[in-house]
């Protein structure tokens, strides 16, 4: 590592820190709204970038590119079909949550079911984050930093020790942002890092295509399409880790949980200065999430073309591509951007967990007799302990057999889908009680654990199983609710929103365009698009573009007419 690498890394990292400090220096971080929700003053752009950086991070950049290296675009559903969840959030969940003036998802559950349900979902969320999510984030980030900067060579240590050094560095810096800066510092740093992340990732994509084309980007694109075309097939590929049909079962459920009801993501939108700004940010994130396959999966496919015969581990593909292709001064800059993305997810997660602990666990334990300052202090202490715990668990993620990304998604499903079940029941089934709902959740958990660790002879992808368990749990809840319905009459709470609650005027057309883009992306990554003879690709893309424009116009007209007829 030369002086340019070190200088560009330190320079960009300090720039982000200074700007974040400058814009938050006058913020009141002693109040709950100030520390946990950024004072409810966030713009759509800030929300969008913060959601993206919270979501992208190293486990996406390294993990999904690792999947791209091993199976190609057939795994792109995790990114692309998230658009469905973003649209649902913008139309249904976000306006409802903001109108109710909630700070956390357990707040919403408590208002519907009471303190027992609040405690259940709060602890389920915190256990999921502590055991699965945060250690995976820290490990992925440490692996990337260690490989890009050759930490082992710098300090003269082995690879395992280099990983531990990187874990320590990420934990300390990320913890400082989250524990002392509050949500607004997190969001501001996310916005800056988000721009740098996107620019740097596009640059790596371009450099990869140039390397693949022996100096010509156009030739690189041609090689990408012509050589190993199965790697660009997301629909009928013979090489998959996630079957195409799974995007309609467990994958869509996990994405809906992650975007609509996951505190880590939704907290950014809850800090919006209006419902409209929150909707803009959420849909912006949904569109960019679809396009992000160009930086989250395609570079991994390029690495397969370039280094596929070197027998490297999939999770090492992206760091190796980066370190080999970028000039030294860009290695430092992109390392700083990647570091920013890593700590973005890390500190966002710590901040969200601190919020839930302080508001939904600590305050009720104290019978509500807690000042704002005490609540914030409790959140900070809990966040510190969580950061340390995640650092201790991170090294063990390297032993996941199918790569870090699938490990994280598979075990997330154990904890996240029961939480989604509770939120869905709370919204749509007014006669359900806390007892009937938790019974359904426990049925899901029991089925998941039994077929994961007990009977293992059921040869079905875990995403299909996840959907089956979900509907079994929901069926149990509805059956019990039929026989033991709630006898209390739910009283609609008055509007407690603290911001403007009018919907964005372009919400309908923006939502339709997002969903059409999602479908068009799948058509492009199929034999009807680029998985075809190279001579047919230009006309295929033209047809897909024209069909997409027509679909937007027709769908918008139909939805507008239906809404005017039945909902005006």
Protein backbone atom coordinates (compact mmCIF):
# COMPACT_ATOMS: atom_id res chain seq x y z
CA UNK A 1 0.00 0.00 0.00
CA UNK A 2 1.54 3.31 -1.08
CA UNK A 3 1.09 6.87 0.16
CA UNK A 4 -1.69 7.63 -2.36
CA UNK A 5 -3.81 4.77 -1.07
CA UNK A 6 -3.40 5.82 2.54
CA UNK A 7 -3.94 9.52 1.81
CA UNK A 8 -7.11 9.03 -0.25
CA UNK A 9 -8.58 6.67 2.35
CA UNK A 10 -7.90 8.92 5.34
CA UNK A 11 -8.87 12.07 3.42
CA UNK A 12 -12.31 10.87 2.32
CA UNK A 13 -13.08 9.24 5.66
CA UNK A 14 -12.23 12.45 7.55
CA UNK A 15 -14.25 14.54 5.07
CA UNK A 16 -17.37 12.49 5.79
CA UNK A 17 -16.82 12.71 9.55
CA UNK A 18 -16.27 16.49 9.50
CA UNK A 19 -19.35 17.17 7.35
CA UNK A 20 -21.49 14.93 9.55
CA UNK A 21 -20.27 16.74 12.66
CA UNK A 22 -20.84 20.17 11.10
CA UNK A 23 -24.45 19.51 10.16
CA UNK A 24 -25.33 17.96 13.53
CA UNK A 25 -23.35 20.23 15.84
CA UNK A 26 -26.46 22.24 16.78
CA UNK A 27 -28.83 19.28 16.98
CA UNK A 28 -30.47 18.48 20.29
CA UNK A 29 -29.46 14.85 20.79
CA UNK A 30 -30.88 14.66 24.30
CA UNK A 31 -34.48 14.12 23.10
CA UNK A 32 -35.90 10.92 21.68
CA UNK A 33 -36.98 12.46 18.36
CA UNK A 34 -33.65 14.28 18.06
CA UNK A 35 -31.45 11.25 18.70
CA UNK A 36 -33.56 8.41 17.29
CA UNK A 37 -35.45 10.11 14.40
CA UNK A 38 -33.20 12.97 13.33
CA UNK A 39 -35.71 15.50 14.65
CA UNK A 40 -38.23 14.32 12.01
CA UNK A 41 -36.56 16.63 9.50
CA UNK A 42 -35.14 14.28 6.85
CA UNK A 43 -35.59 14.91 3.12
CA UNK A 44 -36.47 12.34 0.48
CA UNK A 45 -32.96 12.28 -0.97
CA UNK A 46 -31.37 11.77 2.45
CA UNK A 47 -33.84 9.02 3.30
CA UNK A 48 -33.27 7.27 -0.04
CA UNK A 49 -29.49 7.30 0.21
CA UNK A 50 -29.59 6.26 3.86
CA UNK A 51 -31.88 3.30 3.09
CA UNK A 52 -29.60 2.25 0.22
CA UNK A 53 -26.38 2.53 2.22
CA UNK A 54 -27.95 0.76 5.17
CA UNK A 55 -29.05 -2.03 2.84
CA UNK A 56 -26.06 -2.24 0.48
CA UNK A 57 -23.00 -2.38 2.68
CA UNK A 58 -20.39 -5.10 2.50
CA UNK A 59 -22.63 -8.14 2.91
CA UNK A 60 -24.47 -7.03 -0.26
CA UNK A 61 -21.45 -5.79 -2.22
CA UNK A 62 -19.27 -8.77 -1.33
CA UNK A 63 -21.98 -11.38 -0.72
CA UNK A 64 -24.13 -10.73 -3.81
CA UNK A 65 -21.10 -10.30 -6.06
CA UNK A 66 -19.90 -13.60 -4.63
CA UNK A 67 -23.22 -15.10 -5.72
CA UNK A 68 -22.75 -13.44 -9.11
CA UNK A 69 -19.34 -15.07 -9.37
CA UNK A 70 -20.76 -18.51 -8.59
CA UNK A 71 -24.23 -18.52 -10.23
CA UNK A 72 -24.67 -15.23 -12.14
CA UNK A 73 -27.84 -13.12 -12.38
CA UNK A 74 -30.13 -15.95 -11.29
CA UNK A 75 -29.69 -14.59 -7.77
CA UNK A 76 -30.74 -11.01 -8.59
CA UNK A 77 -34.21 -11.45 -7.11
CA UNK A 78 -32.98 -10.31 -3.70
CA UNK A 79 -32.30 -6.85 -5.13
CA UNK A 80 -34.84 -6.55 -7.95
CA UNK A 81 -38.01 -7.87 -6.30
CA UNK A 82 -37.41 -5.63 -3.29
CA UNK A 83 -39.15 -3.02 -5.48
CA UNK A 84 -42.49 -4.66 -4.60
CA UNK A 85 -41.81 -4.07 -0.91
CA UNK A 86 -40.73 -0.46 -1.47
CA UNK A 87 -43.96 0.29 -3.34
CA UNK A 88 -46.06 -1.36 -0.61
CA UNK A 89 -44.18 0.66 2.00
CA UNK A 90 -44.78 3.94 0.17
CA UNK A 91 -48.49 3.30 -0.39
CA UNK A 92 -49.57 1.43 2.76
CA UNK A 93 -47.14 1.12 5.66
CA UNK A 94 -45.33 4.46 5.75
CA UNK A 95 -48.41 6.73 5.68
CA UNK A 96 -50.07 4.59 8.35
CA UNK A 97 -47.01 4.59 10.63
CA UNK A 98 -46.37 8.33 10.29
CA UNK A 99 -50.04 9.20 10.84
CA UNK A 100 -49.92 7.23 14.10
CA UNK A 101 -46.79 9.11 15.14
CA UNK A 102 -44.85 5.97 16.06
CA UNK A 103 -41.11 5.79 16.61
CA UNK A 104 -40.64 2.03 16.44
CA UNK A 105 -42.51 -1.00 15.08
CA UNK A 106 -42.99 -2.33 18.64
CA UNK A 107 -44.81 0.98 19.35
CA UNK A 108 -47.34 0.02 16.70
CA UNK A 109 -47.64 -3.53 18.05
CA UNK A 110 -48.14 -2.27 21.60
CA UNK A 111 -50.95 0.04 20.50
CA UNK A 112 -52.68 -2.93 18.86
CA UNK A 113 -51.94 -5.85 21.19
CA UNK A 114 -50.43 -4.48 24.41
CA UNK A 115 -47.17 -4.82 26.32
CA UNK A 116 -46.70 -8.59 26.00
CA UNK A 117 -46.71 -8.48 22.21
CA UNK A 118 -44.44 -5.43 22.27
CA UNK A 119 -41.88 -7.27 24.39
CA UNK A 120 -42.10 -10.39 22.23
CA UNK A 121 -41.45 -8.61 18.92
CA UNK A 122 -38.81 -6.29 20.42
CA UNK A 123 -36.73 -9.15 21.81
CA UNK A 124 -37.20 -11.21 18.64
CA UNK A 125 -35.83 -8.29 16.61
CA UNK A 126 -32.88 -7.71 18.94
CA UNK A 127 -31.94 -11.41 19.05
CA UNK A 128 -32.03 -11.61 15.25
CA UNK A 129 -29.76 -8.59 14.93
CA UNK A 130 -27.33 -9.68 17.62
CA UNK A 131 -26.97 -13.32 16.55
CA UNK A 132 -27.27 -13.13 12.76
CA UNK A 133 -27.41 -9.72 11.11
CA UNK A 134 -24.71 -7.63 12.81
CA UNK A 135 -22.02 -10.34 12.98
CA UNK A 136 -22.53 -10.99 9.25
CA UNK A 137 -22.25 -7.28 8.46
CA UNK A 138 -19.05 -6.93 10.49
CA UNK A 139 -17.48 -10.08 9.04
CA UNK A 140 -18.29 -9.11 5.43
CA UNK A 141 -16.89 -5.64 5.96
CA UNK A 142 -13.76 -6.90 7.65
CA UNK A 143 -13.17 -9.44 4.87
CA UNK A 144 -13.47 -6.73 2.23
CA UNK A 145 -11.21 -4.26 4.02
CA UNK A 146 -8.65 -6.93 4.81
CA UNK A 147 -8.39 -8.08 1.17
CA UNK A 148 -8.51 -4.65 -0.47
CA UNK A 149 -5.83 -3.13 1.77
CA UNK A 150 -3.75 -6.30 2.24
CA UNK A 151 -3.87 -5.84 6.02
CA UNK A 152 -1.95 -9.08 6.56
CA UNK A 153 1.05 -7.78 4.58
CA UNK A 154 0.95 -4.32 6.15
CA UNK A 155 1.18 -5.63 9.71
CA UNK A 156 3.09 -8.82 8.92
CA UNK A 157 0.37 -11.06 10.33
CA UNK A 158 -1.65 -14.02 9.06
CA UNK A 159 -5.07 -13.71 7.37
CA UNK A 160 -7.05 -14.64 10.50
CA UNK A 161 -5.29 -11.95 12.54
CA UNK A 162 -5.83 -9.43 9.74
CA UNK A 163 -9.54 -10.22 9.85
CA UNK A 164 -9.63 -9.56 13.60
CA UNK A 165 -7.82 -6.22 13.19
CA UNK A 166 -10.36 -5.17 10.54
CA UNK A 167 -13.27 -6.25 12.76
CA UNK A 168 -11.93 -4.15 15.64
CA UNK A 169 -11.49 -1.09 13.41
CA UNK A 170 -15.01 -1.30 11.97
CA UNK A 171 -16.60 -1.84 15.38
CA UNK A 172 -14.90 1.15 16.99
CA UNK A 173 -15.52 3.69 14.22
CA UNK A 174 -19.05 2.49 13.47
CA UNK A 175 -19.94 2.51 17.15
CA UNK A 176 -18.80 6.12 17.55
CA UNK A 177 -21.15 7.31 14.80
CA UNK A 178 -24.18 5.42 16.11
CA UNK A 179 -23.68 5.81 19.85
CA UNK A 180 -22.71 9.48 19.96
CA UNK A 181 -24.10 10.99 16.75
CA UNK A 182 -27.70 9.82 16.59
CA UNK A 183 -29.75 9.11 13.47
CA UNK A 184 -29.11 12.45 11.74
CA UNK A 185 -25.34 11.97 11.80
CA UNK A 186 -25.89 8.48 10.43
CA UNK A 187 -28.13 9.77 7.61
CA UNK A 188 -25.78 12.61 6.62
CA UNK A 189 -22.78 10.30 6.47
CA UNK A 190 -24.93 7.84 4.50
CA UNK A 191 -25.82 10.50 1.92
CA UNK A 192 -22.18 11.41 1.28
CA UNK A 193 -21.00 7.81 1.30
CA UNK A 194 -23.96 6.82 -0.88
CA UNK A 195 -22.85 9.16 -3.64
CA UNK A 196 -19.25 8.01 -3.34
CA UNK A 197 -20.30 4.36 -3.16
CA UNK A 198 -22.34 4.64 -6.35
CA UNK A 199 -19.63 6.51 -8.28
CA UNK A 200 -16.87 4.18 -7.08
CA UNK A 201 -18.89 1.05 -7.83
CA UNK A 202 -19.73 2.25 -11.35
CA UNK A 203 -16.02 2.96 -11.89
CA UNK A 204 -15.17 -0.62 -10.87
CA UNK A 205 -17.84 -1.92 -13.26
CA UNK A 206 -16.34 0.11 -16.11
CA UNK A 207 -12.78 -0.96 -15.27
CA UNK A 208 -13.93 -4.58 -15.14
CA UNK A 209 -15.55 -4.36 -18.57
CA UNK A 210 -12.42 -2.70 -19.99
CA UNK A 211 -10.25 -5.49 -18.54
CA UNK A 212 -12.64 -8.11 -19.91
CA UNK A 213 -12.46 -6.47 -23.34
CA UNK A 214 -8.65 -6.18 -23.31
CA UNK A 215 -8.78 -2.40 -23.25
CA UNK A 216 -12.17 -1.84 -24.89
CA UNK A 217 -15.34 -1.41 -22.83
CA UNK A 218 -17.51 -2.27 -25.86
CA UNK A 219 -15.62 -5.52 -26.37
CA UNK A 220 -16.00 -6.24 -22.67
CA UNK A 221 -19.79 -5.91 -22.91
CA UNK A 222 -19.77 -8.23 -25.92
CA UNK A 223 -17.67 -10.84 -24.08
CA UNK A 224 -20.01 -10.55 -21.08
CA UNK A 225 -23.01 -11.37 -23.28
CA UNK A 226 -21.42 -13.92 -25.62
CA UNK A 227 -19.12 -15.85 -23.27
CA UNK A 228 -20.95 -17.96 -20.67
CA UNK A 229 -24.43 -16.53 -21.48
CA UNK A 230 -25.98 -18.67 -18.74
CA UNK A 231 -24.43 -16.27 -16.19
CA UNK A 232 -26.77 -13.48 -17.42
CA UNK A 233 -29.90 -15.63 -17.36
CA UNK A 234 -32.10 -14.81 -14.37
CA UNK A 235 -35.14 -16.82 -15.48
CA UNK A 236 -34.15 -20.16 -17.02
CA UNK A 237 -30.54 -20.49 -15.89
CA UNK A 238 -29.28 -24.04 -15.26
CA UNK A 239 -26.98 -22.67 -12.55
CA UNK A 240 -28.86 -21.30 -9.52
CA UNK A 241 -28.65 -20.93 -5.76
CA UNK A 242 -32.18 -19.50 -5.59
CA UNK A 243 -34.80 -20.98 -7.97
CA UNK A 244 -36.79 -18.50 -10.06
CA UNK A 245 -40.06 -19.59 -8.46
CA UNK A 246 -38.79 -18.56 -5.02
CA UNK A 247 -39.21 -14.88 -5.89
CA UNK A 248 -42.97 -15.48 -5.59
CA UNK A 249 -42.80 -17.33 -2.25
CA UNK A 250 -40.35 -16.80 0.60
CA UNK A 251 -38.26 -14.12 -1.12
CA UNK A 252 -41.14 -11.69 -1.47
CA UNK A 253 -42.06 -12.26 2.20
CA UNK A 254 -38.50 -11.58 3.38
CA UNK A 255 -38.31 -8.45 1.22
CA UNK A 256 -41.64 -7.17 2.55
CA UNK A 257 -40.44 -7.69 6.11
CA UNK A 258 -37.07 -6.09 5.44
CA UNK A 259 -38.45 -2.94 3.82
CA UNK A 260 -41.91 -2.50 5.35
CA UNK A 261 -41.55 -3.58 8.96
CA UNK A 262 -37.83 -3.81 9.71
CA UNK A 263 -36.91 -1.06 12.16
CA UNK A 264 -33.46 -0.64 10.60
CA UNK A 265 -34.94 0.42 7.26
CA UNK A 266 -38.28 1.99 8.17
CA UNK A 267 -36.70 4.21 10.85
CA UNK A 268 -35.10 6.33 8.12
CA UNK A 269 -38.50 6.98 6.53
CA UNK A 270 -40.14 7.60 9.93
CA UNK A 271 -37.72 10.51 10.33
CA UNK A 272 -39.16 12.23 7.22
CA UNK A 273 -40.31 15.83 7.48
CA UNK A 274 -43.53 14.82 5.67
CA UNK A 275 -45.23 11.71 4.33
CA UNK A 276 -44.50 12.91 0.78
CA UNK A 277 -40.76 13.20 1.47
CA UNK A 278 -40.75 9.74 3.00
CA UNK A 279 -42.53 8.32 -0.06
CA UNK A 280 -40.06 10.01 -2.41
CA UNK A 281 -37.13 8.54 -0.48
CA UNK A 282 -38.60 5.04 -0.34
CA UNK A 283 -39.44 4.89 -4.07
CA UNK A 284 -36.09 6.42 -5.01
CA UNK A 285 -34.43 3.63 -3.05
CA UNK A 286 -36.64 1.06 -4.80
CA UNK A 287 -35.65 2.23 -8.28
CA UNK A 288 -31.94 2.41 -7.50
CA UNK A 289 -32.17 -1.00 -5.83
CA UNK A 290 -33.27 -2.51 -9.17
CA UNK A 291 -30.49 -0.77 -11.10
CA UNK A 292 -27.98 -1.74 -8.43
CA UNK A 293 -27.56 -5.23 -9.89
CA UNK A 294 -25.03 -3.54 -12.19
CA UNK A 295 -22.78 -2.97 -9.19
CA UNK A 296 -23.95 -5.70 -6.81
CA UNK A 297 -23.89 -8.74 -9.13
CA UNK A 298 -22.43 -7.94 -12.58
CA UNK A 299 -18.88 -7.24 -11.24
CA UNK A 300 -18.97 -10.73 -9.71
CA UNK A 301 -19.82 -12.15 -13.13
CA UNK A 302 -16.92 -10.17 -14.61
CA UNK A 303 -14.65 -11.64 -11.93
CA UNK A 304 -15.84 -15.10 -13.00
CA UNK A 305 -14.79 -14.34 -16.59
CA UNK A 306 -11.42 -12.98 -15.48
CA UNK A 307 -10.47 -15.22 -12.55
CA UNK A 308 -12.82 -18.21 -12.80
CA UNK A 309 -9.94 -20.63 -13.23
CA UNK A 310 -8.06 -19.46 -10.13
CA UNK A 311 -10.20 -21.42 -7.64
CA UNK A 312 -10.91 -18.39 -5.43
CA UNK A 313 -13.72 -18.35 -2.87
CA UNK A 314 -16.89 -16.55 -4.11
CA UNK A 315 -16.84 -14.07 -1.21
CA UNK A 316 -13.28 -13.05 -2.19
CA UNK A 317 -14.19 -12.30 -5.83
CA UNK A 318 -15.15 -8.64 -5.44
CA UNK A 319 -12.29 -7.59 -3.13
CA UNK A 320 -9.79 -9.28 -5.51
CA UNK A 321 -11.38 -7.57 -8.53
CA UNK A 322 -11.15 -4.21 -6.78
CA UNK A 323 -7.54 -4.54 -5.62
CA UNK A 324 -6.32 -5.78 -9.03
CA UNK A 325 -8.11 -3.30 -11.31
CA UNK A 326 -8.06 0.03 -9.48
CA UNK A 327 -5.08 2.40 -9.46
CA UNK A 328 -3.56 2.94 -6.02
CA UNK A 329 -5.17 6.34 -5.40
CA UNK A 330 -8.58 4.91 -6.31
CA UNK A 331 -8.06 1.89 -4.05
CA UNK A 332 -7.82 4.25 -1.10
CA UNK A 333 -10.88 6.25 -2.18
CA UNK A 334 -13.03 3.19 -2.83
CA UNK A 335 -11.75 1.59 0.35
CA UNK A 336 -13.00 4.68 2.19
CA UNK A 337 -16.37 4.47 0.42
CA UNK A 338 -16.67 0.75 1.17
CA UNK A 339 -15.69 1.46 4.76
CA UNK A 340 -18.40 4.13 4.85
CA UNK A 341 -20.95 1.63 3.53
CA UNK A 342 -19.87 -0.91 6.13
CA UNK A 343 -20.18 1.43 9.07
CA UNK A 344 -23.38 2.83 7.58
CA UNK A 345 -25.15 -0.50 7.98
CA UNK A 346 -23.38 -1.12 11.27
CA UNK A 347 -24.23 2.20 12.87
CA UNK A 348 -27.75 2.27 11.41
CA UNK A 349 -28.41 -1.13 12.95
CA UNK A 350 -26.94 -0.11 16.30
CA UNK A 351 -29.03 3.08 16.28
CA UNK A 352 -32.25 1.17 15.50
CA UNK A 353 -31.58 -1.44 18.18
CA UNK A 354 -30.78 1.29 20.69
CA UNK A 355 -34.09 2.94 19.79
CA UNK A 356 -36.09 -0.23 20.40
CA UNK A 357 -34.28 -1.04 23.64
CA UNK A 358 -34.62 2.46 25.07
CA UNK A 359 -38.24 3.08 24.09
CA UNK A 360 -39.81 -0.38 24.11
CA UNK A 361 -37.87 -2.25 26.80
CA UNK A 362 -36.06 0.14 29.16
CA UNK A 363 -38.82 2.76 29.49
CA UNK A 364 -41.63 0.23 30.23
CA UNK A 365 -39.38 -1.49 32.80
CA UNK A 366 -39.08 1.86 34.57
CA UNK A 367 -42.89 2.26 34.44
CA UNK A 368 -42.51 5.17 32.04
CA UNK A 369 -40.79 7.31 34.67
CA UNK A 370 -37.81 8.05 32.42
CA UNK A 371 -36.52 11.38 31.18
CA UNK A 372 -35.43 11.94 27.58
CA UNK A 373 -31.80 12.04 28.68
CA UNK A 374 -32.09 8.78 30.62
CA UNK A 375 -33.72 7.10 27.65
CA UNK A 376 -30.98 8.22 25.26
CA UNK A 377 -28.26 7.16 27.74
CA UNK A 378 -29.82 3.70 28.11
CA UNK A 379 -29.88 3.37 24.33
CA UNK A 380 -26.23 4.35 24.07
CA UNK A 381 -25.15 1.84 26.73
CA UNK A 382 -27.11 -0.95 25.05
CA UNK A 383 -25.65 0.02 21.66
CA UNK A 384 -22.14 -0.23 23.05
CA UNK A 385 -22.77 -3.73 24.39
CA UNK A 386 -24.36 -4.82 21.11
CA UNK A 387 -21.38 -3.54 19.10
CA UNK A 388 -18.98 -5.55 21.28
CA UNK A 389 -21.13 -8.69 21.05
CA UNK A 390 -21.31 -8.47 17.25
CA UNK A 391 -17.53 -8.09 17.01
CA UNK A 392 -17.06 -11.25 19.08
CA UNK A 393 -19.45 -13.24 16.88
CA UNK A 394 -18.24 -11.97 13.50
CA UNK A 395 -15.22 -14.30 12.99
CA UNK A 396 -17.46 -17.38 13.11
CA UNK A 397 -19.40 -16.34 9.97
CA UNK A 398 -16.47 -17.46 7.80
CA UNK A 399 -17.50 -21.06 8.41
CA UNK A 400 -20.90 -20.64 6.66
CA UNK A 401 -20.95 -23.37 3.97
CA UNK A 402 -22.89 -21.51 1.21
CA UNK A 403 -21.37 -18.06 1.60
CA UNK A 404 -22.22 -15.25 3.98
CA UNK A 405 -25.19 -13.83 2.05
CA UNK A 406 -27.27 -17.01 1.91
CA UNK A 407 -26.32 -17.77 5.52
CA UNK A 408 -27.69 -14.39 6.60
CA UNK A 409 -30.92 -14.70 4.59
CA UNK A 410 -31.61 -18.25 5.73
CA UNK A 411 -31.30 -17.48 9.42
CA UNK A 412 -32.98 -14.09 9.07
CA UNK A 413 -36.06 -15.99 7.89
CA UNK A 414 -36.26 -17.76 11.25
CA UNK A 415 -36.74 -14.48 13.12
CA UNK A 416 -38.03 -11.97 10.59
CA UNK A 417 -41.05 -13.76 9.12
CA UNK A 418 -42.78 -14.25 12.52
CA UNK A 419 -42.43 -10.49 13.05
CA UNK A 420 -43.99 -9.87 9.64
CA UNK A 421 -46.82 -12.23 10.57
CA UNK A 422 -47.56 -10.22 13.72
CA UNK A 423 -47.60 -6.89 11.84
CA UNK A 424 -49.84 -8.29 9.07
CA UNK A 425 -52.30 -9.69 11.62
CA UNK A 426 -52.25 -6.43 13.58
CA UNK A 427 -53.22 -4.45 10.49
CA UNK A 428 -55.72 -6.69 8.72
CA UNK A 429 -57.37 -8.90 11.37
CA UNK A 430 -59.10 -6.80 13.98
CA UNK A 431 -60.50 -9.73 15.96
CA UNK A 432 -57.10 -11.32 16.54
CA UNK A 433 -55.66 -11.24 20.06
CA UNK A 434 -52.12 -11.29 21.35
CA UNK A 435 -52.56 -14.95 22.34
CA UNK A 436 -53.79 -16.11 18.92
CA UNK A 437 -51.12 -14.10 17.11
CA UNK A 438 -48.17 -15.30 19.18
CA UNK A 439 -49.49 -18.86 18.82
CA UNK A 440 -49.20 -18.54 15.05
CA UNK A 441 -45.72 -17.10 15.35
CA UNK A 442 -44.60 -19.98 17.57
CA UNK A 443 -46.00 -22.50 15.07
CA UNK A 444 -43.86 -20.88 12.35
CA UNK A 445 -40.73 -20.97 14.52
CA UNK A 446 -41.35 -24.59 15.55
CA UNK A 447 -41.83 -25.72 11.93
CA UNK A 448 -38.72 -23.85 10.81
CA UNK A 449 -36.52 -25.33 13.54
CA UNK A 450 -37.91 -28.85 13.10
CA UNK A 451 -37.29 -29.01 9.34
CA UNK A 452 -33.92 -27.23 9.66
CA UNK A 453 -32.37 -29.22 12.50
CA UNK A 454 -34.74 -32.16 13.09
CA UNK A 455 -36.09 -33.82 9.97
CA UNK A 456 -33.75 -32.77 7.14
CA UNK A 457 -35.02 -35.09 4.40
CA UNK A 458 -37.46 -32.55 2.92
CA UNK A 459 -35.70 -31.55 -0.30
CA UNK A 460 -37.23 -28.14 -0.92
CA UNK A 461 -35.55 -24.73 -1.08
CA UNK A 462 -35.69 -22.85 2.22
CA UNK A 463 -37.56 -19.94 0.62
CA UNK A 464 -40.42 -22.20 -0.45
CA UNK A 465 -40.45 -23.72 3.03
CA UNK A 466 -40.51 -20.24 4.55
CA UNK A 467 -43.70 -19.35 2.68
CA UNK A 468 -45.34 -22.65 3.72
CA UNK A 469 -44.44 -22.07 7.39
CA UNK A 470 -45.75 -18.48 7.17
CA UNK A 471 -49.15 -19.51 5.87
CA UNK A 472 -49.34 -22.37 8.38
CA UNK A 473 -48.70 -19.88 11.20
CA UNK A 474 -51.23 -17.44 9.73
CA UNK A 475 -53.81 -20.24 9.39
CA UNK A 476 -53.35 -21.20 13.04
CA UNK A 477 -53.79 -17.57 14.09
CA UNK A 478 -56.97 -17.17 12.04
CA UNK A 479 -58.39 -20.51 13.24
CA UNK A 480 -57.80 -19.64 16.88
CA UNK A 481 -59.14 -16.15 16.27
CA UNK A 482 -62.35 -17.65 14.89
CA UNK A 483 -62.91 -19.62 18.09
CA UNK A 484 -61.39 -17.10 20.53
CA UNK A 485 -61.98 -13.63 19.01
CA UNK A 486 -61.18 -10.42 20.76
CA UNK A 487 -64.11 -9.16 22.82
CA UNK A 488 -62.80 -5.62 23.10
CA UNK A 489 -63.77 -2.92 20.63
CA UNK A 490 -60.76 -1.29 19.06
CA UNK A 491 -60.99 2.48 19.19
CA UNK A 492 -59.28 4.28 16.35
CA UNK A 493 -56.64 6.56 17.80
CA UNK A 494 -56.77 10.21 16.85
CA UNK A 495 -54.18 11.56 14.47
CA UNK A 496 -50.90 11.94 16.36
CA UNK A 497 -48.70 12.69 13.35
CA UNK A 498 -46.06 15.33 13.92
CA UNK A 499 -45.55 16.15 10.23
CA UNK A 500 -47.60 16.82 7.08
CA UNK A 501 -49.46 13.59 6.19
CA UNK A 502 -50.51 14.35 2.60
CA UNK A 503 -49.37 11.80 0.02
CA UNK A 504 -46.89 12.71 -2.69
CA UNK A 505 -48.83 13.92 -5.75
CA UNK A 506 -46.82 11.65 -8.08
CA UNK A 507 -47.13 8.56 -5.85
CA UNK A 508 -49.27 6.53 -8.27
CA UNK A 509 -47.23 7.03 -11.44
CA UNK A 510 -43.91 6.63 -9.57
CA UNK A 511 -45.09 3.34 -8.04
CA UNK A 512 -46.23 2.00 -11.41
CA UNK A 513 -42.96 2.97 -13.08
CA UNK A 514 -41.01 1.20 -10.33
CA UNK A 515 -42.92 -2.05 -10.76
CA UNK A 516 -42.71 -1.94 -14.57
CA UNK A 517 -38.95 -1.41 -14.32
CA UNK A 518 -38.74 -4.48 -12.08
CA UNK A 519 -40.56 -6.67 -14.62
CA UNK A 520 -38.57 -5.22 -17.53
CA UNK A 521 -35.31 -6.04 -15.74
CA UNK A 522 -36.28 -9.70 -15.56
CA UNK A 523 -37.28 -9.73 -19.23
CA UNK A 524 -33.92 -8.20 -20.14
CA UNK A 525 -32.10 -10.91 -18.16
CA UNK A 526 -33.80 -13.70 -20.11
CA UNK A 527 -33.76 -15.28 -23.59
CA UNK A 528 -36.16 -12.48 -24.63
CA UNK A 529 -33.47 -9.91 -23.79
CA UNK A 530 -29.70 -10.22 -23.63
CA UNK A 531 -29.50 -14.01 -23.29
CA UNK A 532 -29.81 -14.29 -27.06
CA UNK A 533 -27.55 -14.16 -30.12
CA UNK A 534 -25.65 -10.86 -29.98
CA UNK A 535 -27.20 -9.69 -33.25
CA UNK A 536 -30.70 -9.90 -31.74
CA UNK A 537 -29.94 -8.05 -28.50
CA UNK A 538 -30.37 -4.42 -29.76
CA UNK A 539 -33.87 -5.09 -31.17
CA UNK A 540 -34.82 -7.07 -28.06
CA UNK A 541 -33.91 -4.11 -25.86
CA UNK A 542 -35.87 -1.73 -28.11
CA UNK A 543 -38.99 -3.90 -27.91
CA UNK A 544 -38.68 -4.18 -24.12
CA UNK A 545 -38.33 -0.38 -23.81
CA UNK A 546 -41.40 0.32 -25.97
CA UNK A 547 -43.44 -2.33 -24.16
CA UNK A 548 -42.45 -0.87 -20.78
CA UNK A 549 -43.52 2.65 -21.79
CA UNK A 550 -46.86 1.30 -23.03
CA UNK A 551 -47.33 -0.69 -19.81
CA UNK A 552 -46.78 2.42 -17.67
CA UNK A 553 -49.27 4.51 -19.68
CA UNK A 554 -51.96 1.83 -19.78
CA UNK A 555 -51.59 0.78 -16.14
CA UNK A 556 -51.63 4.37 -14.92
CA UNK A 557 -54.80 5.06 -16.91
CA UNK A 558 -56.57 1.96 -15.56
CA UNK A 559 -55.54 2.57 -11.94
CA UNK A 560 -56.57 6.23 -12.16
CA UNK A 561 -59.99 5.30 -13.52
CA UNK A 562 -60.56 2.59 -10.91
CA UNK A 563 -59.49 4.88 -8.05
CA UNK A 564 -61.79 7.66 -9.27
CA UNK A 565 -64.70 5.24 -9.62
CA UNK A 566 -64.40 3.35 -6.34
CA UNK A 567 -62.26 5.43 -3.98
CA UNK A 568 -63.05 9.07 -4.77
